[in-house]
Amino acid sequence: MGQPSIVEADLNRLDHQQAVLDLTDAYAADPMGSGRPLPEPVRASLIPGLRAQPTVELYLGPPSLTRAGGGEGGAIDAQQLESLKATGYVK
């Protein structure tokens, strides 16, 4: 088994779209979010909305790696991303 890595999300890939939707939905359903899943209209517009923003950068990785980087449930901040790039985890 190879070294786990973090990759930049490609919103043209269905599996990456699904991962972004699943993670965002999990955040929304958390008590710190709205406490319920994303409404269907929001889910339907999320990926097109992200694609419309020229400065969006999304990264995906295994939860165990991103949690080790200090993130929660797959989320990391810019400083953690730079640290992971330095270790070679980000491809």
N, C-alpha and C. Protein backbone atom coordinates (compact mmCIF):
# COMPACT_ATOMS: atom_id res chain seq x y z
N MET A 1 0.85 -1.18 0.00
CA MET A 1 0.00 0.00 0.00
C MET A 1 0.88 1.23 0.00
N GLY A 2 0.56 2.21 -0.87
CA GLY A 2 1.38 3.41 -1.00
C GLY A 2 1.13 4.41 0.10
N GLN A 3 1.96 5.44 0.08
CA GLN A 3 1.84 6.52 1.04
C GLN A 3 0.55 7.30 0.76
N PRO A 4 -0.24 7.62 1.79
CA PRO A 4 -1.46 8.40 1.56
C PRO A 4 -1.08 9.79 1.05
N SER A 5 -1.95 10.37 0.25
CA SER A 5 -1.65 11.70 -0.26
C SER A 5 -2.91 12.56 -0.29
N ILE A 6 -2.69 13.83 -0.42
CA ILE A 6 -3.75 14.80 -0.59
C ILE A 6 -3.65 15.30 -2.02
N VAL A 7 -4.78 15.35 -2.71
CA VAL A 7 -4.79 15.79 -4.10
C VAL A 7 -5.72 16.99 -4.26
N GLU A 8 -5.40 17.83 -5.23
CA GLU A 8 -6.31 18.93 -5.53
C GLU A 8 -7.56 18.34 -6.17
N ALA A 9 -8.71 18.75 -5.66
CA ALA A 9 -9.97 18.23 -6.19
C ALA A 9 -10.16 18.68 -7.64
N ASP A 10 -10.60 17.76 -8.46
CA ASP A 10 -10.94 18.03 -9.86
C ASP A 10 -12.47 17.95 -9.95
N LEU A 11 -13.11 19.10 -10.03
CA LEU A 11 -14.57 19.13 -10.01
C LEU A 11 -15.21 18.63 -11.30
N ASN A 12 -14.39 18.16 -12.23
CA ASN A 12 -14.91 17.47 -13.41
C ASN A 12 -15.06 15.98 -13.14
N ARG A 13 -14.46 15.49 -12.05
CA ARG A 13 -14.55 14.07 -11.70
C ARG A 13 -15.73 13.85 -10.77
N LEU A 14 -16.57 12.89 -11.12
CA LEU A 14 -17.75 12.60 -10.30
C LEU A 14 -17.38 12.18 -8.88
N ASP A 15 -16.31 11.39 -8.72
CA ASP A 15 -15.93 10.96 -7.37
C ASP A 15 -15.46 12.14 -6.52
N HIS A 16 -14.79 13.11 -7.13
CA HIS A 16 -14.38 14.29 -6.37
C HIS A 16 -15.57 15.17 -6.05
N GLN A 17 -16.50 15.30 -7.00
CA GLN A 17 -17.73 16.05 -6.72
C GLN A 17 -18.46 15.44 -5.53
N GLN A 18 -18.58 14.11 -5.54
CA GLN A 18 -19.29 13.42 -4.45
C GLN A 18 -18.58 13.62 -3.12
N ALA A 19 -17.25 13.57 -3.12
CA ALA A 19 -16.50 13.76 -1.88
C ALA A 19 -16.73 15.17 -1.32
N VAL A 20 -16.73 16.17 -2.18
CA VAL A 20 -16.97 17.55 -1.72
C VAL A 20 -18.40 17.69 -1.18
N LEU A 21 -19.36 17.11 -1.88
CA LEU A 21 -20.75 17.15 -1.41
C LEU A 21 -20.90 16.43 -0.07
N ASP A 22 -20.29 15.26 0.06
CA ASP A 22 -20.40 14.48 1.30
C ASP A 22 -19.79 15.23 2.48
N LEU A 23 -18.61 15.82 2.27
CA LEU A 23 -17.94 16.53 3.36
C LEU A 23 -18.74 17.77 3.76
N THR A 24 -19.21 18.53 2.77
CA THR A 24 -20.00 19.73 3.07
C THR A 24 -21.31 19.36 3.77
N ASP A 25 -21.91 18.28 3.32
CA ASP A 25 -23.14 17.80 3.94
C ASP A 25 -22.89 17.39 5.40
N ALA A 26 -21.76 16.74 5.64
CA ALA A 26 -21.42 16.33 7.02
C ALA A 26 -21.22 17.55 7.92
N TYR A 27 -20.56 18.58 7.39
CA TYR A 27 -20.40 19.81 8.18
C TYR A 27 -21.76 20.42 8.50
N ALA A 28 -22.64 20.47 7.51
CA ALA A 28 -23.96 21.07 7.72
C ALA A 28 -24.76 20.28 8.77
N ALA A 29 -24.65 18.96 8.73
CA ALA A 29 -25.42 18.10 9.64
C ALA A 29 -24.87 18.12 11.07
N ASP A 30 -23.65 18.58 11.25
CA ASP A 30 -23.04 18.64 12.57
C ASP A 30 -23.77 19.68 13.43
N PRO A 31 -23.83 19.46 14.75
CA PRO A 31 -24.46 20.46 15.62
C PRO A 31 -23.83 21.86 15.50
N MET A 32 -22.55 21.93 15.13
CA MET A 32 -21.92 23.25 14.95
C MET A 32 -22.37 23.89 13.64
N GLY A 33 -22.95 23.11 12.74
CA GLY A 33 -23.53 23.64 11.51
C GLY A 33 -25.01 23.89 11.75
N SER A 34 -25.82 23.48 10.81
CA SER A 34 -27.26 23.68 10.98
C SER A 34 -27.91 22.53 11.73
N GLY A 35 -27.15 21.43 11.91
CA GLY A 35 -27.71 20.27 12.60
C GLY A 35 -28.56 19.39 11.70
N ARG A 36 -28.55 19.69 10.40
CA ARG A 36 -29.30 18.86 9.45
C ARG A 36 -28.56 18.88 8.11
N PRO A 37 -28.82 17.88 7.28
CA PRO A 37 -28.14 17.81 5.98
C PRO A 37 -28.45 19.03 5.11
N LEU A 38 -27.61 19.24 4.10
CA LEU A 38 -27.86 20.33 3.16
C LEU A 38 -29.20 20.15 2.46
N PRO A 39 -29.95 21.22 2.29
CA PRO A 39 -31.18 21.12 1.49
C PRO A 39 -30.82 20.76 0.04
N GLU A 40 -31.70 20.05 -0.62
CA GLU A 40 -31.43 19.59 -1.98
C GLU A 40 -31.08 20.73 -2.94
N PRO A 41 -31.74 21.88 -2.89
CA PRO A 41 -31.36 22.97 -3.80
C PRO A 41 -29.90 23.43 -3.58
N VAL A 42 -29.45 23.39 -2.34
CA VAL A 42 -28.07 23.78 -2.04
C VAL A 42 -27.11 22.72 -2.59
N ARG A 43 -27.42 21.44 -2.35
CA ARG A 43 -26.59 20.36 -2.91
C ARG A 43 -26.49 20.48 -4.42
N ALA A 44 -27.62 20.77 -5.07
CA ALA A 44 -27.66 20.83 -6.52
C ALA A 44 -26.84 22.01 -7.07
N SER A 45 -26.74 23.08 -6.31
CA SER A 45 -26.03 24.26 -6.80
C SER A 45 -24.59 24.38 -6.30
N LEU A 46 -24.17 23.53 -5.37
CA LEU A 46 -22.85 23.66 -4.77
C LEU A 46 -21.72 23.51 -5.78
N ILE A 47 -21.69 22.42 -6.52
CA ILE A 47 -20.59 22.18 -7.46
C ILE A 47 -20.58 23.23 -8.57
N PRO A 48 -21.71 23.52 -9.21
CA PRO A 48 -21.69 24.60 -10.21
C PRO A 48 -21.22 25.94 -9.62
N GLY A 49 -21.63 26.21 -8.39
CA GLY A 49 -21.21 27.45 -7.74
C GLY A 49 -19.71 27.50 -7.48
N LEU A 50 -19.15 26.38 -7.04
CA LEU A 50 -17.71 26.32 -6.83
C LEU A 50 -16.95 26.46 -8.14
N ARG A 51 -17.45 25.80 -9.19
CA ARG A 51 -16.80 25.90 -10.50
C ARG A 51 -16.79 27.34 -11.02
N ALA A 52 -17.79 28.12 -10.65
CA ALA A 52 -17.90 29.50 -11.14
C ALA A 52 -16.92 30.45 -10.46
N GLN A 53 -16.28 30.00 -9.38
CA GLN A 53 -15.34 30.85 -8.64
C GLN A 53 -13.91 30.56 -9.11
N PRO A 54 -13.25 31.51 -9.76
CA PRO A 54 -11.93 31.24 -10.32
C PRO A 54 -10.83 31.01 -9.29
N THR A 55 -11.06 31.39 -8.04
CA THR A 55 -10.00 31.26 -7.04
C THR A 55 -10.19 30.08 -6.09
N VAL A 56 -11.18 29.24 -6.33
CA VAL A 56 -11.44 28.11 -5.43
C VAL A 56 -10.34 27.06 -5.57
N GLU A 57 -9.79 26.64 -4.44
CA GLU A 57 -8.86 25.52 -4.38
C GLU A 57 -9.40 24.55 -3.34
N LEU A 58 -9.65 23.32 -3.76
CA LEU A 58 -10.14 22.28 -2.86
C LEU A 58 -9.17 21.13 -2.89
N TYR A 59 -8.91 20.56 -1.74
CA TYR A 59 -8.00 19.42 -1.63
C TYR A 59 -8.72 18.28 -0.93
N LEU A 60 -8.46 17.08 -1.39
CA LEU A 60 -9.07 15.89 -0.82
C LEU A 60 -7.99 14.94 -0.35
N GLY A 61 -8.25 14.27 0.75
CA GLY A 61 -7.31 13.30 1.27
C GLY A 61 -8.01 12.38 2.23
N PRO A 62 -7.33 11.31 2.63
CA PRO A 62 -7.94 10.39 3.58
C PRO A 62 -8.13 11.07 4.94
N PRO A 63 -9.27 10.82 5.60
CA PRO A 63 -9.52 11.48 6.89
C PRO A 63 -8.42 11.26 7.91
N SER A 64 -7.79 10.09 7.92
CA SER A 64 -6.74 9.84 8.92
C SER A 64 -5.56 10.79 8.73
N LEU A 65 -5.21 11.10 7.49
CA LEU A 65 -4.09 11.99 7.22
C LEU A 65 -4.45 13.42 7.56
N THR A 66 -5.62 13.89 7.16
CA THR A 66 -5.97 15.27 7.42
C THR A 66 -6.26 15.51 8.89
N ARG A 67 -6.80 14.52 9.59
CA ARG A 67 -6.98 14.69 11.04
C ARG A 67 -5.63 14.78 11.72
N ALA A 68 -4.66 13.99 11.26
CA ALA A 68 -3.31 14.05 11.83
C ALA A 68 -2.70 15.43 11.60
N GLY A 69 -3.10 16.08 10.49
CA GLY A 69 -2.62 17.43 10.21
C GLY A 69 -3.31 18.48 11.04
N GLY A 70 -4.24 18.08 11.88
CA GLY A 70 -4.91 19.01 12.76
C GLY A 70 -6.30 19.38 12.30
N GLY A 71 -6.71 18.89 11.14
CA GLY A 71 -8.03 19.22 10.63
C GLY A 71 -9.09 18.34 11.26
N GLU A 72 -10.31 18.65 11.01
CA GLU A 72 -11.43 17.90 11.56
C GLU A 72 -12.24 17.32 10.42
N GLY A 73 -12.30 16.01 10.34
CA GLY A 73 -13.13 15.36 9.34
C GLY A 73 -12.70 15.62 7.91
N GLY A 74 -11.42 15.81 7.69
CA GLY A 74 -10.93 16.00 6.35
C GLY A 74 -10.61 17.44 5.99
N ALA A 75 -10.85 18.38 6.87
CA ALA A 75 -10.58 19.79 6.56
C ALA A 75 -9.23 20.20 7.14
N ILE A 76 -8.50 20.97 6.36
CA ILE A 76 -7.23 21.52 6.83
C ILE A 76 -7.18 22.99 6.44
N ASP A 77 -6.37 23.76 7.15
CA ASP A 77 -6.24 25.16 6.79
C ASP A 77 -4.99 25.36 5.93
N ALA A 78 -4.77 26.59 5.50
CA ALA A 78 -3.67 26.89 4.57
C ALA A 78 -2.31 26.56 5.18
N GLN A 79 -2.10 26.82 6.45
CA GLN A 79 -0.82 26.53 7.09
C GLN A 79 -0.58 25.02 7.14
N GLN A 80 -1.61 24.25 7.47
CA GLN A 80 -1.47 22.79 7.50
C GLN A 80 -1.22 22.26 6.09
N LEU A 81 -1.86 22.86 5.08
CA LEU A 81 -1.63 22.44 3.70
C LEU A 81 -0.18 22.67 3.32
N GLU A 82 0.38 23.80 3.67
CA GLU A 82 1.79 24.07 3.35
C GLU A 82 2.71 23.07 4.06
N SER A 83 2.40 22.73 5.29
CA SER A 83 3.20 21.73 6.01
C SER A 83 3.13 20.37 5.31
N LEU A 84 1.95 19.99 4.86
CA LEU A 84 1.79 18.71 4.17
C LEU A 84 2.48 18.73 2.81
N LYS A 85 2.49 19.89 2.13
CA LYS A 85 3.22 19.99 0.87
C LYS A 85 4.71 19.75 1.10
N ALA A 86 5.23 20.30 2.20
CA ALA A 86 6.64 20.15 2.50
C ALA A 86 7.02 18.69 2.77
N THR A 87 6.08 17.90 3.26
CA THR A 87 6.38 16.50 3.55
C THR A 87 6.18 15.61 2.33
N GLY A 88 5.62 16.17 1.25
CA GLY A 88 5.40 15.39 0.04
C GLY A 88 4.05 14.70 -0.01
N TYR A 89 3.20 14.96 0.97
CA TYR A 89 1.87 14.33 0.96
C TYR A 89 0.97 14.90 -0.12
N VAL A 90 1.11 16.19 -0.42
CA VAL A 90 0.24 16.83 -1.40
C VAL A 90 0.82 16.60 -2.78
N LYS A 91 0.00 16.06 -3.66
CA LYS A 91 0.42 15.73 -5.03
C LYS A 91 -0.10 16.76 -5.99
